[in-house]
N, C-alpha and C. Protein backbone atom coordinates (compact mmCIF):
# COMPACT_ATOMS: atom_id res chain seq x y z
N MET A 1 11.25 5.80 -9.90
CA MET A 1 10.38 5.47 -11.02
C MET A 1 9.93 6.78 -11.68
N GLN A 2 9.91 6.79 -12.96
CA GLN A 2 9.51 7.97 -13.71
C GLN A 2 7.99 8.10 -13.75
N PRO A 3 7.47 9.32 -13.68
CA PRO A 3 6.02 9.52 -13.75
C PRO A 3 5.39 8.90 -15.01
N GLN A 4 6.10 8.96 -16.12
CA GLN A 4 5.57 8.39 -17.37
C GLN A 4 5.40 6.87 -17.27
N ALA A 5 6.26 6.22 -16.52
CA ALA A 5 6.14 4.77 -16.32
C ALA A 5 4.88 4.44 -15.51
N ILE A 6 4.60 5.27 -14.52
CA ILE A 6 3.39 5.07 -13.71
C ILE A 6 2.15 5.33 -14.56
N GLU A 7 2.20 6.36 -15.39
CA GLU A 7 1.08 6.62 -16.30
C GLU A 7 0.81 5.42 -17.18
N LYS A 8 1.86 4.79 -17.70
CA LYS A 8 1.70 3.60 -18.55
C LYS A 8 1.07 2.44 -17.78
N LEU A 9 1.53 2.22 -16.54
CA LEU A 9 0.95 1.15 -15.72
C LEU A 9 -0.55 1.36 -15.56
N ILE A 10 -0.94 2.59 -15.26
CA ILE A 10 -2.35 2.89 -15.06
C ILE A 10 -3.12 2.73 -16.36
N GLN A 11 -2.58 3.24 -17.46
CA GLN A 11 -3.24 3.14 -18.77
C GLN A 11 -3.39 1.69 -19.22
N ASN A 12 -2.44 0.84 -18.86
CA ASN A 12 -2.52 -0.57 -19.24
C ASN A 12 -3.58 -1.33 -18.46
N HIS A 13 -3.99 -0.79 -17.32
CA HIS A 13 -4.94 -1.49 -16.45
C HIS A 13 -6.34 -0.85 -16.46
N ILE A 14 -6.37 0.46 -16.71
CA ILE A 14 -7.62 1.21 -16.67
C ILE A 14 -7.80 1.94 -17.99
N ASN A 15 -9.00 1.92 -18.52
CA ASN A 15 -9.30 2.65 -19.75
C ASN A 15 -9.38 4.14 -19.43
N CYS A 16 -8.29 4.88 -19.63
CA CYS A 16 -8.21 6.27 -19.20
C CYS A 16 -8.55 7.24 -20.31
N HIS A 17 -9.32 8.24 -19.96
CA HIS A 17 -9.52 9.41 -20.81
C HIS A 17 -8.25 10.23 -20.78
N SER A 18 -7.73 10.40 -19.55
CA SER A 18 -6.45 11.07 -19.35
C SER A 18 -5.88 10.65 -18.00
N VAL A 19 -4.56 10.69 -17.93
CA VAL A 19 -3.85 10.43 -16.68
C VAL A 19 -2.60 11.30 -16.67
N SER A 20 -2.40 11.97 -15.56
CA SER A 20 -1.24 12.84 -15.40
C SER A 20 -0.61 12.57 -14.05
N VAL A 21 0.66 12.18 -14.06
CA VAL A 21 1.38 11.86 -12.82
C VAL A 21 2.54 12.85 -12.68
N GLN A 22 2.70 13.38 -11.49
CA GLN A 22 3.76 14.35 -11.20
C GLN A 22 4.58 13.86 -10.01
N SER A 23 5.87 14.26 -9.99
CA SER A 23 6.73 13.94 -8.86
C SER A 23 7.92 14.90 -8.83
N ASP A 24 8.29 15.30 -7.64
CA ASP A 24 9.49 16.12 -7.47
C ASP A 24 10.72 15.29 -7.12
N ASP A 25 10.49 14.09 -6.57
CA ASP A 25 11.62 13.29 -6.09
C ASP A 25 11.63 11.84 -6.59
N LEU A 26 10.70 11.50 -7.46
CA LEU A 26 10.59 10.16 -8.06
C LEU A 26 10.27 9.04 -7.06
N THR A 27 9.79 9.40 -5.87
CA THR A 27 9.27 8.40 -4.93
C THR A 27 7.91 8.82 -4.37
N HIS A 28 7.63 10.11 -4.38
CA HIS A 28 6.34 10.64 -3.94
C HIS A 28 5.63 11.18 -5.17
N PHE A 29 4.41 10.70 -5.41
CA PHE A 29 3.71 11.02 -6.65
C PHE A 29 2.31 11.55 -6.37
N THR A 30 1.86 12.42 -7.26
CA THR A 30 0.47 12.87 -7.28
C THR A 30 -0.06 12.64 -8.68
N ALA A 31 -1.36 12.40 -8.78
CA ALA A 31 -1.93 12.11 -10.09
C ALA A 31 -3.38 12.57 -10.17
N VAL A 32 -3.79 12.82 -11.41
CA VAL A 32 -5.19 13.04 -11.74
C VAL A 32 -5.53 12.02 -12.81
N ILE A 33 -6.54 11.20 -12.53
CA ILE A 33 -6.91 10.12 -13.44
C ILE A 33 -8.38 10.30 -13.82
N VAL A 34 -8.65 10.33 -15.12
CA VAL A 34 -10.01 10.47 -15.63
C VAL A 34 -10.32 9.22 -16.44
N SER A 35 -11.38 8.51 -16.03
CA SER A 35 -11.71 7.26 -16.70
C SER A 35 -13.21 6.95 -16.61
N GLU A 36 -13.74 6.42 -17.68
CA GLU A 36 -15.12 5.92 -17.67
C GLU A 36 -15.25 4.70 -16.75
N ASP A 37 -14.13 4.02 -16.49
CA ASP A 37 -14.15 2.86 -15.60
C ASP A 37 -14.57 3.23 -14.18
N PHE A 38 -14.51 4.51 -13.83
CA PHE A 38 -14.90 4.96 -12.49
C PHE A 38 -16.40 5.19 -12.35
N GLU A 39 -17.13 5.15 -13.47
CA GLU A 39 -18.58 5.37 -13.44
C GLU A 39 -19.25 4.41 -12.45
N GLY A 40 -20.04 4.95 -11.53
CA GLY A 40 -20.81 4.13 -10.61
C GLY A 40 -19.99 3.47 -9.52
N LYS A 41 -18.71 3.80 -9.42
CA LYS A 41 -17.85 3.17 -8.41
C LYS A 41 -17.61 4.14 -7.26
N SER A 42 -17.57 3.59 -6.06
CA SER A 42 -17.27 4.39 -4.88
C SER A 42 -15.80 4.80 -4.90
N LYS A 43 -15.45 5.72 -4.02
CA LYS A 43 -14.06 6.16 -3.92
C LYS A 43 -13.14 4.99 -3.59
N ILE A 44 -13.59 4.12 -2.72
CA ILE A 44 -12.78 2.94 -2.34
C ILE A 44 -12.56 2.02 -3.54
N MET A 45 -13.60 1.79 -4.32
CA MET A 45 -13.46 0.92 -5.50
C MET A 45 -12.52 1.54 -6.54
N ARG A 46 -12.59 2.86 -6.69
CA ARG A 46 -11.69 3.56 -7.61
C ARG A 46 -10.24 3.39 -7.15
N HIS A 47 -10.02 3.55 -5.84
CA HIS A 47 -8.68 3.39 -5.31
C HIS A 47 -8.16 1.97 -5.53
N ARG A 48 -9.02 1.00 -5.34
CA ARG A 48 -8.61 -0.39 -5.56
C ARG A 48 -8.18 -0.62 -7.00
N LEU A 49 -8.92 -0.05 -7.94
CA LEU A 49 -8.56 -0.17 -9.36
C LEU A 49 -7.17 0.40 -9.63
N VAL A 50 -6.93 1.58 -9.10
CA VAL A 50 -5.65 2.25 -9.34
C VAL A 50 -4.51 1.50 -8.66
N TYR A 51 -4.69 1.11 -7.41
CA TYR A 51 -3.63 0.39 -6.71
C TYR A 51 -3.37 -0.98 -7.33
N ALA A 52 -4.38 -1.61 -7.89
CA ALA A 52 -4.17 -2.87 -8.61
C ALA A 52 -3.30 -2.63 -9.84
N ALA A 53 -3.49 -1.50 -10.49
CA ALA A 53 -2.67 -1.17 -11.66
C ALA A 53 -1.22 -0.96 -11.28
N LEU A 54 -0.98 -0.41 -10.10
CA LEU A 54 0.39 -0.14 -9.66
C LEU A 54 1.08 -1.38 -9.11
N GLY A 55 0.30 -2.33 -8.65
CA GLY A 55 0.82 -3.62 -8.21
C GLY A 55 1.98 -3.54 -7.23
N ASP A 56 3.00 -4.34 -7.45
CA ASP A 56 4.15 -4.44 -6.55
C ASP A 56 4.99 -3.17 -6.50
N HIS A 57 4.80 -2.28 -7.44
CA HIS A 57 5.56 -1.03 -7.44
C HIS A 57 5.26 -0.19 -6.19
N MET A 58 4.08 -0.40 -5.61
CA MET A 58 3.72 0.32 -4.38
C MET A 58 4.60 -0.11 -3.21
N GLN A 59 5.19 -1.27 -3.30
CA GLN A 59 6.03 -1.77 -2.21
C GLN A 59 7.51 -1.57 -2.48
N SER A 60 7.85 -1.14 -3.69
CA SER A 60 9.27 -1.00 -4.00
C SER A 60 9.62 0.38 -4.55
N ASP A 61 9.01 0.79 -5.65
CA ASP A 61 9.41 2.01 -6.35
C ASP A 61 8.64 3.26 -5.91
N ILE A 62 7.45 3.07 -5.37
CA ILE A 62 6.58 4.20 -5.03
C ILE A 62 6.43 4.27 -3.51
N HIS A 63 6.93 5.35 -2.93
CA HIS A 63 6.82 5.51 -1.49
C HIS A 63 5.45 6.07 -1.11
N ALA A 64 4.95 7.03 -1.89
CA ALA A 64 3.65 7.63 -1.62
C ALA A 64 2.97 7.97 -2.94
N PHE A 65 1.67 7.71 -2.99
CA PHE A 65 0.91 7.97 -4.21
C PHE A 65 -0.44 8.56 -3.83
N SER A 66 -0.63 9.82 -4.19
CA SER A 66 -1.87 10.53 -3.91
C SER A 66 -2.53 10.86 -5.25
N PHE A 67 -3.84 10.63 -5.34
CA PHE A 67 -4.48 10.90 -6.63
C PHE A 67 -5.94 11.28 -6.47
N GLN A 68 -6.43 11.97 -7.49
CA GLN A 68 -7.85 12.25 -7.64
C GLN A 68 -8.34 11.42 -8.82
N SER A 69 -9.50 10.82 -8.65
CA SER A 69 -10.09 10.01 -9.72
C SER A 69 -11.44 10.60 -10.10
N TYR A 70 -11.63 10.77 -11.38
CA TYR A 70 -12.86 11.38 -11.90
C TYR A 70 -13.39 10.59 -13.08
N THR A 71 -14.70 10.62 -13.23
CA THR A 71 -15.30 10.19 -14.49
C THR A 71 -15.15 11.37 -15.46
N PRO A 72 -15.30 11.15 -16.75
CA PRO A 72 -15.21 12.28 -17.68
C PRO A 72 -16.21 13.39 -17.36
N ASN A 73 -17.43 13.03 -16.97
CA ASN A 73 -18.44 14.04 -16.63
C ASN A 73 -18.05 14.83 -15.38
N GLU A 74 -17.54 14.12 -14.37
CA GLU A 74 -17.10 14.81 -13.15
C GLU A 74 -15.97 15.78 -13.45
N TYR A 75 -15.06 15.34 -14.29
CA TYR A 75 -13.90 16.18 -14.63
C TYR A 75 -14.32 17.40 -15.43
N SER A 76 -15.24 17.24 -16.37
CA SER A 76 -15.69 18.38 -17.16
C SER A 76 -16.46 19.38 -16.29
N ASP A 77 -17.11 18.92 -15.24
CA ASP A 77 -17.82 19.81 -14.31
C ASP A 77 -16.87 20.69 -13.51
N LEU A 78 -15.60 20.25 -13.38
CA LEU A 78 -14.61 21.03 -12.64
C LEU A 78 -14.17 22.27 -13.40
N LYS A 79 -14.29 22.22 -14.70
CA LYS A 79 -13.78 23.31 -15.53
C LYS A 79 -14.76 24.45 -15.65
């Protein structure tokens, strides 16, 4: 699966400020996701949102998916 396809899946499910997905082998992925939808949500709730966006692809096209999730304010504090 192409990283851009995963970005689209996430964008279609979560209102993203930005999303960037990277992969060297097209089965193991890393991502940084910035969304207002993460406001007030625990890390577990954020993960549930993202994994819901990926749906069945987690069982077929994606072998491993590691990501950081930030609100826009959290992300701007990193810079």
